[in-house]
């Protein structure tokens, strides 16, 4: 196991949702979370279905 630098930058916040830009080394994406911090959308990985 090794320590990895991660960066989260808040891009926008509206209607109880937040969008963050996530970066880890060469990988980066935008992640959307709900008001409780649960991930709603992680592009290329999953989308939460209600």
C-alpha atoms as a PDB file:
ATOM      1  CA  UNK A   1       0.000   0.000   0.000  1.00  0.00           C
ATOM      2  CA  UNK A   2       1.260   3.479  -0.781  1.00  0.00           C
ATOM      3  CA  UNK A   3       0.106   6.983  -0.054  1.00  0.00           C
ATOM      4  CA  UNK A   4      -1.373   8.755  -3.091  1.00  0.00           C
ATOM      5  CA  UNK A   5      -1.926  12.492  -3.499  1.00  0.00           C
ATOM      6  CA  UNK A   6      -5.553  13.288  -4.297  1.00  0.00           C
ATOM      7  CA  UNK A   7      -7.120  16.634  -5.090  1.00  0.00           C
ATOM      8  CA  UNK A   8     -10.778  17.643  -4.978  1.00  0.00           C
ATOM      9  CA  UNK A   9     -11.815  21.067  -6.278  1.00  0.00           C
ATOM     10  CA  UNK A  10     -15.403  22.264  -5.808  1.00  0.00           C
ATOM     11  CA  UNK A  11     -16.718  23.356  -9.215  1.00  0.00           C
ATOM     12  CA  UNK A  12     -20.346  24.114  -8.430  1.00  0.00           C
ATOM     13  CA  UNK A  13     -23.038  23.708  -5.820  1.00  0.00           C
ATOM     14  CA  UNK A  14     -26.780  23.878  -6.477  1.00  0.00           C
ATOM     15  CA  UNK A  15     -30.014  22.251  -5.283  1.00  0.00           C
ATOM     16  CA  UNK A  16     -28.241  20.122  -2.651  1.00  0.00           C
ATOM     17  CA  UNK A  17     -25.738  18.714  -5.135  1.00  0.00           C
ATOM     18  CA  UNK A  18     -22.054  19.418  -5.541  1.00  0.00           C
ATOM     19  CA  UNK A  19     -19.720  18.818  -8.453  1.00  0.00           C
ATOM     20  CA  UNK A  20     -16.020  18.274  -7.782  1.00  0.00           C
ATOM     21  CA  UNK A  21     -13.034  17.964 -10.082  1.00  0.00           C
ATOM     22  CA  UNK A  22     -10.981  14.993  -8.857  1.00  0.00           C
ATOM     23  CA  UNK A  23      -7.325  14.474  -9.721  1.00  0.00           C
ATOM     24  CA  UNK A  24      -4.945  11.673  -8.774  1.00  0.00           C
ATOM     25  CA  UNK A  25      -1.661  11.640 -10.670  1.00  0.00           C
ATOM     26  CA  UNK A  26      -2.545  11.397 -14.375  1.00  0.00           C
ATOM     27  CA  UNK A  27      -6.204  10.480 -13.765  1.00  0.00           C
ATOM     28  CA  UNK A  28      -8.873  13.174 -13.471  1.00  0.00           C
ATOM     29  CA  UNK A  29     -12.654  13.421 -13.720  1.00  0.00           C
ATOM     30  CA  UNK A  30     -15.655  15.321 -12.375  1.00  0.00           C
ATOM     31  CA  UNK A  31     -17.690  13.669  -9.615  1.00  0.00           C
ATOM     32  CA  UNK A  32     -21.205  14.667  -8.512  1.00  0.00           C
ATOM     33  CA  UNK A  33     -22.369  14.076  -4.931  1.00  0.00           C
ATOM     34  CA  UNK A  34     -25.648  14.643  -3.087  1.00  0.00           C
ATOM     35  CA  UNK A  35     -26.195  16.745   0.053  1.00  0.00           C
ATOM     36  CA  UNK A  36     -25.007  13.816   2.213  1.00  0.00           C
ATOM     37  CA  UNK A  37     -21.797  13.277   0.251  1.00  0.00           C
ATOM     38  CA  UNK A  38     -22.952  10.106  -1.520  1.00  0.00           C
ATOM     39  CA  UNK A  39     -21.672   9.870  -5.077  1.00  0.00           C
ATOM     40  CA  UNK A  40     -24.382  10.327  -7.708  1.00  0.00           C
ATOM     41  CA  UNK A  41     -22.265  10.196 -10.828  1.00  0.00           C
ATOM     42  CA  UNK A  42     -18.714   9.030 -11.455  1.00  0.00           C
ATOM     43  CA  UNK A  43     -18.233   9.236 -15.252  1.00  0.00           C
ATOM     44  CA  UNK A  44     -17.102   5.987 -16.831  1.00  0.00           C
ATOM     45  CA  UNK A  45     -17.591   4.098 -13.556  1.00  0.00           C
ATOM     46  CA  UNK A  46     -21.217   4.384 -12.432  1.00  0.00           C
ATOM     47  CA  UNK A  47     -24.363   6.489 -12.072  1.00  0.00           C
ATOM     48  CA  UNK A  48     -26.552   6.110  -9.003  1.00  0.00           C
ATOM     49  CA  UNK A  49     -30.091   4.975  -9.824  1.00  0.00           C
ATOM     50  CA  UNK A  50     -32.941   5.886  -7.492  1.00  0.00           C
END
